[in-house]
Amino acid sequence: MTEPAPDPEGGGDGVPIPLDQLSPEALRAVVTEFVTRDGTELTDAARKSEQVIALLESGRAELWFDPTTRTCNILSAP
């Protein structure tokens, strides 16, 4: 799996979301929504979600909230 892409806008007006501010269930729901945005089959979503959660927990990716679009995105950590 490829790592999440960096924000082409250079960070924009997003707000970082510390992982410890989310319950495990909420984190899983956000990550599942993120990995299925591009049409990923649900059978692959669990595997991809685990990979993305590992990236988040290792600090190689970050969770951001975009108040303009009201969506969460996962970006490569600087």
PDB file of N, CA and C in Angstrom:
ATOM      1  N   MET A   1       0.843  -1.175   0.000  1.00  0.00           N
ATOM      2  CA  MET A   1       0.000   0.000   0.000  1.00  0.00           C
ATOM      3  C   MET A   1       0.887   1.236   0.000  1.00  0.00           C
ATOM      4  N   THR A   2       0.481   2.227  -0.748  1.00  0.00           N
ATOM      5  CA  THR A   2       1.227   3.476  -0.763  1.00  0.00           C
ATOM      6  C   THR A   2       0.815   4.321   0.426  1.00  0.00           C
ATOM      7  N   GLU A   3       1.717   5.189   0.844  1.00  0.00           N
ATOM      8  CA  GLU A   3       1.424   6.082   1.954  1.00  0.00           C
ATOM      9  C   GLU A   3       0.488   7.191   1.491  1.00  0.00           C
ATOM     10  N   PRO A   4      -0.284   7.769   2.408  1.00  0.00           N
ATOM     11  CA  PRO A   4      -1.138   8.895   2.032  1.00  0.00           C
ATOM     12  C   PRO A   4      -0.299  10.018   1.438  1.00  0.00           C
ATOM     13  N   ALA A   5      -0.855  10.699   0.468  1.00  0.00           N
ATOM     14  CA  ALA A   5      -0.136  11.777  -0.214  1.00  0.00           C
ATOM     15  C   ALA A   5      -0.106  13.029   0.641  1.00  0.00           C
ATOM     16  N   PRO A   6       0.959  13.810   0.520  1.00  0.00           N
ATOM     17  CA  PRO A   6       0.986  15.076   1.246  1.00  0.00           C
ATOM     18  C   PRO A   6      -0.043  16.041   0.688  1.00  0.00           C
ATOM     19  N   ASP A   7      -0.448  16.983   1.506  1.00  0.00           N
ATOM     20  CA  ASP A   7      -1.432  17.978   1.108  1.00  0.00           C
ATOM     21  C   ASP A   7      -0.829  18.896   0.054  1.00  0.00           C
ATOM     22  N   PRO A   8      -1.391  18.912  -1.173  1.00  0.00           N
ATOM     23  CA  PRO A   8      -0.821  19.752  -2.224  1.00  0.00           C
ATOM     24  C   PRO A   8      -0.923  21.236  -1.926  1.00  0.00           C
ATOM     25  N   GLU A   9      -1.771  21.610  -0.998  1.00  0.00           N
ATOM     26  CA  GLU A   9      -1.926  23.022  -0.650  1.00  0.00           C
ATOM     27  C   GLU A   9      -0.963  23.436   0.457  1.00  0.00           C
ATOM     28  N   GLY A  10      -0.116  22.500   0.901  1.00  0.00           N
ATOM     29  CA  GLY A  10       0.854  22.840   1.928  1.00  0.00           C
ATOM     30  C   GLY A  10       0.267  22.956   3.320  1.00  0.00           C
ATOM     31  N   GLY A  11      -0.796  22.257   3.600  1.00  0.00           N
ATOM     32  CA  GLY A  11      -1.376  22.262   4.936  1.00  0.00           C
ATOM     33  C   GLY A  11      -2.707  22.982   4.996  1.00  0.00           C
ATOM     34  N   GLY A  12      -2.862  24.036   4.224  1.00  0.00           N
ATOM     35  CA  GLY A  12      -4.142  24.744   4.167  1.00  0.00           C
ATOM     36  C   GLY A  12      -4.628  25.173   5.535  1.00  0.00           C
ATOM     37  N   ASP A  13      -5.930  25.153   5.717  1.00  0.00           N
ATOM     38  CA  ASP A  13      -6.535  25.584   6.964  1.00  0.00           C
ATOM     39  C   ASP A  13      -6.944  24.407   7.829  1.00  0.00           C
ATOM     40  N   GLY A  14      -6.370  23.227   7.567  1.00  0.00           N
ATOM     41  CA  GLY A  14      -6.745  22.047   8.316  1.00  0.00           C
ATOM     42  C   GLY A  14      -6.306  22.106   9.766  1.00  0.00           C
ATOM     43  N   VAL A  15      -6.936  21.265  10.552  1.00  0.00           N
ATOM     44  CA  VAL A  15      -6.660  21.170  11.972  1.00  0.00           C
ATOM     45  C   VAL A  15      -6.217  19.738  12.260  1.00  0.00           C
ATOM     46  N   PRO A  16      -5.040  19.555  12.869  1.00  0.00           N
ATOM     47  CA  PRO A  16      -4.620  18.190  13.191  1.00  0.00           C
ATOM     48  C   PRO A  16      -5.498  17.603  14.288  1.00  0.00           C
ATOM     49  N   ILE A  17      -5.757  16.317  14.188  1.00  0.00           N
ATOM     50  CA  ILE A  17      -6.551  15.628  15.206  1.00  0.00           C
ATOM     51  C   ILE A  17      -5.639  14.632  15.915  1.00  0.00           C
ATOM     52  N   PRO A  18      -5.331  14.874  17.177  1.00  0.00           N
ATOM     53  CA  PRO A  18      -4.513  13.902  17.923  1.00  0.00           C
ATOM     54  C   PRO A  18      -5.273  12.578  18.047  1.00  0.00           C
ATOM     55  N   LEU A  19      -4.579  11.478  17.805  1.00  0.00           N
ATOM     56  CA  LEU A  19      -5.235  10.172  17.844  1.00  0.00           C
ATOM     57  C   LEU A  19      -5.842   9.871  19.204  1.00  0.00           C
ATOM     58  N   ASP A  20      -5.220  10.380  20.269  1.00  0.00           N
ATOM     59  CA  ASP A  20      -5.749  10.084  21.595  1.00  0.00           C
ATOM     60  C   ASP A  20      -7.054  10.818  21.898  1.00  0.00           C
ATOM     61  N   GLN A  21      -7.488  11.679  20.977  1.00  0.00           N
ATOM     62  CA  GLN A  21      -8.755  12.382  21.143  1.00  0.00           C
ATOM     63  C   GLN A  21      -9.931  11.588  20.570  1.00  0.00           C
ATOM     64  N   LEU A  22      -9.632  10.468  19.896  1.00  0.00           N
ATOM     65  CA  LEU A  22     -10.671   9.639  19.286  1.00  0.00           C
ATOM     66  C   LEU A  22     -10.741   8.288  19.977  1.00  0.00           C
ATOM     67  N   SER A  23     -11.950   7.776  20.100  1.00  0.00           N
ATOM     68  CA  SER A  23     -12.101   6.408  20.592  1.00  0.00           C
ATOM     69  C   SER A  23     -11.606   5.464  19.497  1.00  0.00           C
ATOM     70  N   PRO A  24     -11.244   4.239  19.845  1.00  0.00           N
ATOM     71  CA  PRO A  24     -10.830   3.285  18.808  1.00  0.00           C
ATOM     72  C   PRO A  24     -11.902   3.092  17.728  1.00  0.00           C
ATOM     73  N   GLU A  25     -13.163   3.130  18.138  1.00  0.00           N
ATOM     74  CA  GLU A  25     -14.258   2.962  17.177  1.00  0.00           C
ATOM     75  C   GLU A  25     -14.334   4.147  16.215  1.00  0.00           C
ATOM     76  N   ALA A  26     -14.184   5.362  16.749  1.00  0.00           N
ATOM     77  CA  ALA A  26     -14.232   6.552  15.898  1.00  0.00           C
ATOM     78  C   ALA A  26     -13.054   6.577  14.941  1.00  0.00           C
ATOM     79  N   LEU A  27     -11.859   6.227  15.429  1.00  0.00           N
ATOM     80  CA  LEU A  27     -10.682   6.186  14.559  1.00  0.00           C
ATOM     81  C   LEU A  27     -10.892   5.195  13.429  1.00  0.00           C
ATOM     82  N   ARG A  28     -11.379   4.012  13.758  1.00  0.00           N
ATOM     83  CA  ARG A  28     -11.610   2.991  12.730  1.00  0.00           C
ATOM     84  C   ARG A  28     -12.633   3.488  11.706  1.00  0.00           C
ATOM     85  N   ALA A  29     -13.688   4.162  12.156  1.00  0.00           N
ATOM     86  CA  ALA A  29     -14.716   4.671  11.229  1.00  0.00           C
ATOM     87  C   ALA A  29     -14.131   5.730  10.298  1.00  0.00           C
ATOM     88  N   VAL A  30     -13.315   6.636  10.833  1.00  0.00           N
ATOM     89  CA  VAL A  30     -12.701   7.679  10.005  1.00  0.00           C
ATOM     90  C   VAL A  30     -11.764   7.051   8.982  1.00  0.00           C
ATOM     91  N   VAL A  31     -10.949   6.112   9.427  1.00  0.00           N
ATOM     92  CA  VAL A  31      -9.994   5.464   8.521  1.00  0.00           C
ATOM     93  C   VAL A  31     -10.735   4.647   7.464  1.00  0.00           C
ATOM     94  N   THR A  32     -11.770   3.926   7.848  1.00  0.00           N
ATOM     95  CA  THR A  32     -12.536   3.138   6.873  1.00  0.00           C
ATOM     96  C   THR A  32     -13.166   4.046   5.828  1.00  0.00           C
ATOM     97  N   GLU A  33     -13.714   5.173   6.258  1.00  0.00           N
ATOM     98  CA  GLU A  33     -14.288   6.118   5.290  1.00  0.00           C
ATOM     99  C   GLU A  33     -13.205   6.628   4.345  1.00  0.00           C
ATOM    100  N   PHE A  34     -12.030   6.911   4.868  1.00  0.00           N
ATOM    101  CA  PHE A  34     -10.920   7.410   4.054  1.00  0.00           C
ATOM    102  C   PHE A  34     -10.495   6.375   3.015  1.00  0.00           C
ATOM    103  N   VAL A  35     -10.315   5.124   3.425  1.00  0.00           N
ATOM    104  CA  VAL A  35      -9.811   4.120   2.482  1.00  0.00           C
ATOM    105  C   VAL A  35     -10.866   3.677   1.471  1.00  0.00           C
ATOM    106  N   THR A  36     -12.143   3.905   1.769  1.00  0.00           N
ATOM    107  CA  THR A  36     -13.177   3.502   0.813  1.00  0.00           C
ATOM    108  C   THR A  36     -13.633   4.648  -0.091  1.00  0.00           C
ATOM    109  N   ARG A  37     -13.083   5.840   0.095  1.00  0.00           N
ATOM    110  CA  ARG A  37     -13.455   6.988  -0.742  1.00  0.00           C
ATOM    111  C   ARG A  37     -13.226   6.742  -2.222  1.00  0.00           C
ATOM    112  N   ASP A  38     -12.134   6.076  -2.541  1.00  0.00           N
ATOM    113  CA  ASP A  38     -11.782   5.878  -3.949  1.00  0.00           C
ATOM    114  C   ASP A  38     -12.428   4.628  -4.543  1.00  0.00           C
ATOM    115  N   GLY A  39     -13.402   4.068  -3.858  1.00  0.00           N
ATOM    116  CA  GLY A  39     -14.109   2.907  -4.392  1.00  0.00           C
ATOM    117  C   GLY A  39     -13.518   1.578  -3.988  1.00  0.00           C
ATOM    118  N   THR A  40     -12.671   1.572  -2.958  1.00  0.00           N
ATOM    119  CA  THR A  40     -12.092   0.330  -2.471  1.00  0.00           C
ATOM    120  C   THR A  40     -13.203  -0.619  -2.064  1.00  0.00           C
ATOM    121  N   GLU A  41     -13.074  -1.861  -2.477  1.00  0.00           N
ATOM    122  CA  GLU A  41     -14.047  -2.879  -2.082  1.00  0.00           C
ATOM    123  C   GLU A  41     -13.991  -3.067  -0.569  1.00  0.00           C
ATOM    124  N   LEU A  42     -15.124  -3.324   0.019  1.00  0.00           N
ATOM    125  CA  LEU A  42     -15.169  -3.515   1.462  1.00  0.00           C
ATOM    126  C   LEU A  42     -14.326  -4.701   1.902  1.00  0.00           C
ATOM    127  N   THR A  43     -14.147  -5.693   1.022  1.00  0.00           N
ATOM    128  CA  THR A  43     -13.313  -6.837   1.386  1.00  0.00           C
ATOM    129  C   THR A  43     -11.857  -6.415   1.560  1.00  0.00           C
ATOM    130  N   ASP A  44     -11.416  -5.379   0.852  1.00  0.00           N
ATOM    131  CA  ASP A  44     -10.060  -4.863   0.983  1.00  0.00           C
ATOM    132  C   ASP A  44      -9.964  -3.768   2.038  1.00  0.00           C
ATOM    133  N   ALA A  45     -11.086  -3.213   2.449  1.00  0.00           N
ATOM    134  CA  ALA A  45     -11.082  -2.070   3.358  1.00  0.00           C
ATOM    135  C   ALA A  45     -10.476  -2.421   4.713  1.00  0.00           C
ATOM    136  N   ALA A  46     -10.748  -3.600   5.229  1.00  0.00           N
ATOM    137  CA  ALA A  46     -10.216  -3.972   6.540  1.00  0.00           C
ATOM    138  C   ALA A  46      -8.694  -4.021   6.510  1.00  0.00           C
ATOM    139  N   ARG A  47      -8.126  -4.619   5.473  1.00  0.00           N
ATOM    140  CA  ARG A  47      -6.674  -4.720   5.342  1.00  0.00           C
ATOM    141  C   ARG A  47      -6.057  -3.334   5.191  1.00  0.00           C
ATOM    142  N   LYS A  48      -6.629  -2.523   4.316  1.00  0.00           N
ATOM    143  CA  LYS A  48      -6.110  -1.169   4.099  1.00  0.00           C
ATOM    144  C   LYS A  48      -6.259  -0.313   5.350  1.00  0.00           C
ATOM    145  N   SER A  49      -7.361  -0.470   6.059  1.00  0.00           N
ATOM    146  CA  SER A  49      -7.578   0.292   7.296  1.00  0.00           C
ATOM    147  C   SER A  49      -6.499  -0.034   8.320  1.00  0.00           C
ATOM    148  N   GLU A  50      -6.168  -1.311   8.459  1.00  0.00           N
ATOM    149  CA  GLU A  50      -5.116  -1.705   9.399  1.00  0.00           C
ATOM    150  C   GLU A  50      -3.784  -1.078   9.014  1.00  0.00           C
ATOM    151  N   GLN A  51      -3.489  -1.029   7.711  1.00  0.00           N
ATOM    152  CA  GLN A  51      -2.236  -0.429   7.246  1.00  0.00           C
ATOM    153  C   GLN A  51      -2.204   1.068   7.560  1.00  0.00           C
ATOM    154  N   VAL A  52      -3.310   1.751   7.321  1.00  0.00           N
ATOM    155  CA  VAL A  52      -3.367   3.193   7.576  1.00  0.00           C
ATOM    156  C   VAL A  52      -3.290   3.468   9.078  1.00  0.00           C
ATOM    157  N   ILE A  53      -3.971   2.687   9.887  1.00  0.00           N
ATOM    158  CA  ILE A  53      -3.892   2.863  11.345  1.00  0.00           C
ATOM    159  C   ILE A  53      -2.456   2.667  11.818  1.00  0.00           C
ATOM    160  N   ALA A  54      -1.753   1.686  11.260  1.00  0.00           N
ATOM    161  CA  ALA A  54      -0.344   1.470  11.621  1.00  0.00           C
ATOM    162  C   ALA A  54       0.498   2.699  11.261  1.00  0.00           C
ATOM    163  N   LEU A  55       0.237   3.303  10.098  1.00  0.00           N
ATOM    164  CA  LEU A  55       0.957   4.515   9.701  1.00  0.00           C
ATOM    165  C   LEU A  55       0.675   5.660  10.669  1.00  0.00           C
ATOM    166  N   LEU A  56      -0.583   5.801  11.069  1.00  0.00           N
ATOM    167  CA  LEU A  56      -0.958   6.854  12.019  1.00  0.00           C
ATOM    168  C   LEU A  56      -0.282   6.635  13.371  1.00  0.00           C
ATOM    169  N   GLU A  57      -0.337   5.410  13.856  1.00  0.00           N
ATOM    170  CA  GLU A  57       0.222   5.112  15.174  1.00  0.00           C
ATOM    171  C   GLU A  57       1.742   5.237  15.198  1.00  0.00           C
ATOM    172  N   SER A  58       2.389   4.993  14.055  1.00  0.00           N
ATOM    173  CA  SER A  58       3.847   5.099  13.994  1.00  0.00           C
ATOM    174  C   SER A  58       4.313   6.538  13.787  1.00  0.00           C
ATOM    175  N   GLY A  59       3.373   7.447  13.505  1.00  0.00           N
ATOM    176  CA  GLY A  59       3.732   8.833  13.272  1.00  0.00           C
ATOM    177  C   GLY A  59       4.124   9.134  11.831  1.00  0.00           C
ATOM    178  N   ARG A  60       3.987   8.142  10.932  1.00  0.00           N
ATOM    179  CA  ARG A  60       4.325   8.363   9.523  1.00  0.00           C
ATOM    180  C   ARG A  60       3.186   9.032   8.763  1.00  0.00           C
ATOM    181  N   ALA A  61       2.020   9.109   9.381  1.00  0.00           N
ATOM    182  CA  ALA A  61       0.860   9.783   8.781  1.00  0.00           C
ATOM    183  C   ALA A  61       0.142  10.526   9.905  1.00  0.00           C
ATOM    184  N   GLU A  62      -0.643  11.522   9.512  1.00  0.00           N
ATOM    185  CA  GLU A  62      -1.393  12.334  10.470  1.00  0.00           C
ATOM    186  C   GLU A  62      -2.832  12.477  10.019  1.00  0.00           C
ATOM    187  N   LEU A  63      -3.722  12.592  10.980  1.00  0.00           N
ATOM    188  CA  LEU A  63      -5.139  12.788  10.725  1.00  0.00           C
ATOM    189  C   LEU A  63      -5.439  14.279  10.827  1.00  0.00           C
ATOM    190  N   TRP A  64      -6.095  14.830   9.809  1.00  0.00           N
ATOM    191  CA  TRP A  64      -6.427  16.257   9.753  1.00  0.00           C
ATOM    192  C   TRP A  64      -7.903  16.434   9.453  1.00  0.00           C
ATOM    193  N   PHE A  65      -8.488  17.476  10.029  1.00  0.00           N
ATOM    194  CA  PHE A  65      -9.862  17.859   9.735  1.00  0.00           C
ATOM    195  C   PHE A  65      -9.833  19.137   8.924  1.00  0.00           C
ATOM    196  N   ASP A  66     -10.556  19.148   7.812  1.00  0.00           N
ATOM    197  CA  ASP A  66     -10.661  20.332   6.965  1.00  0.00           C
ATOM    198  C   ASP A  66     -12.005  20.988   7.249  1.00  0.00           C
ATOM    199  N   PRO A  67     -12.010  22.144   7.931  1.00  0.00           N
ATOM    200  CA  PRO A  67     -13.281  22.779   8.280  1.00  0.00           C
ATOM    201  C   PRO A  67     -14.057  23.304   7.073  1.00  0.00           C
ATOM    202  N   THR A  68     -13.374  23.547   5.968  1.00  0.00           N
ATOM    203  CA  THR A  68     -14.063  24.034   4.774  1.00  0.00           C
ATOM    204  C   THR A  68     -14.927  22.937   4.163  1.00  0.00           C
ATOM    205  N   THR A  69     -14.343  21.754   3.992  1.00  0.00           N
ATOM    206  CA  THR A  69     -15.084  20.641   3.389  1.00  0.00           C
ATOM    207  C   THR A  69     -15.748  19.759   4.440  1.00  0.00           C
ATOM    208  N   ARG A  70     -15.382  19.988   5.716  1.00  0.00           N
ATOM    209  CA  ARG A  70     -15.911  19.208   6.825  1.00  0.00           C
ATOM    210  C   ARG A  70     -15.612  17.724   6.651  1.00  0.00           C
ATOM    211  N   THR A  71     -14.387  17.449   6.217  1.00  0.00           N
ATOM    212  CA  THR A  71     -13.944  16.070   6.042  1.00  0.00           C
ATOM    213  C   THR A  71     -12.634  15.844   6.775  1.00  0.00           C
ATOM    214  N   CYS A  72     -12.353  14.600   7.054  1.00  0.00           N
ATOM    215  CA  CYS A  72     -11.072  14.217   7.631  1.00  0.00           C
ATOM    216  C   CYS A  72     -10.202  13.662   6.507  1.00  0.00           C
ATOM    217  N   ASN A  73      -8.933  13.970   6.584  1.00  0.00           N
ATOM    218  CA  ASN A  73      -7.971  13.453   5.617  1.00  0.00           C
ATOM    219  C   ASN A  73      -6.776  12.898   6.367  1.00  0.00           C
ATOM    220  N   ILE A  74      -6.114  11.972   5.730  1.00  0.00           N
ATOM    221  CA  ILE A  74      -4.916  11.386   6.297  1.00  0.00           C
ATOM    222  C   ILE A  74      -3.772  11.757   5.377  1.00  0.00           C
ATOM    223  N   LEU A  75      -2.789  12.428   5.952  1.00  0.00           N
ATOM    224  CA  LEU A  75      -1.665  12.964   5.182  1.00  0.00           C
ATOM    225  C   LEU A  75      -0.361  12.380   5.694  1.00  0.00           C
ATOM    226  N   SER A  76       0.620  12.300   4.806  1.00  0.00           N
ATOM    227  CA  SER A  76       1.957  11.897   5.237  1.00  0.00           C
ATOM    228  C   SER A  76       2.482  12.921   6.224  1.00  0.00           C
ATOM    229  N   ALA A  77       3.125  12.413   7.269  1.00  0.00           N
ATOM    230  CA  ALA A  77       3.706  13.317   8.262  1.00  0.00           C
ATOM    231  C   ALA A  77       4.965  13.953   7.674  1.00  0.00           C
ATOM    232  N   PRO A  78       5.215  15.202   8.050  1.00  0.00           N
ATOM    233  CA  PRO A  78       6.424  15.870   7.541  1.00  0.00           C
ATOM    234  C   PRO A  78       7.699  15.237   8.064  1.00  0.00           C
TER     235      PRO A  78
END
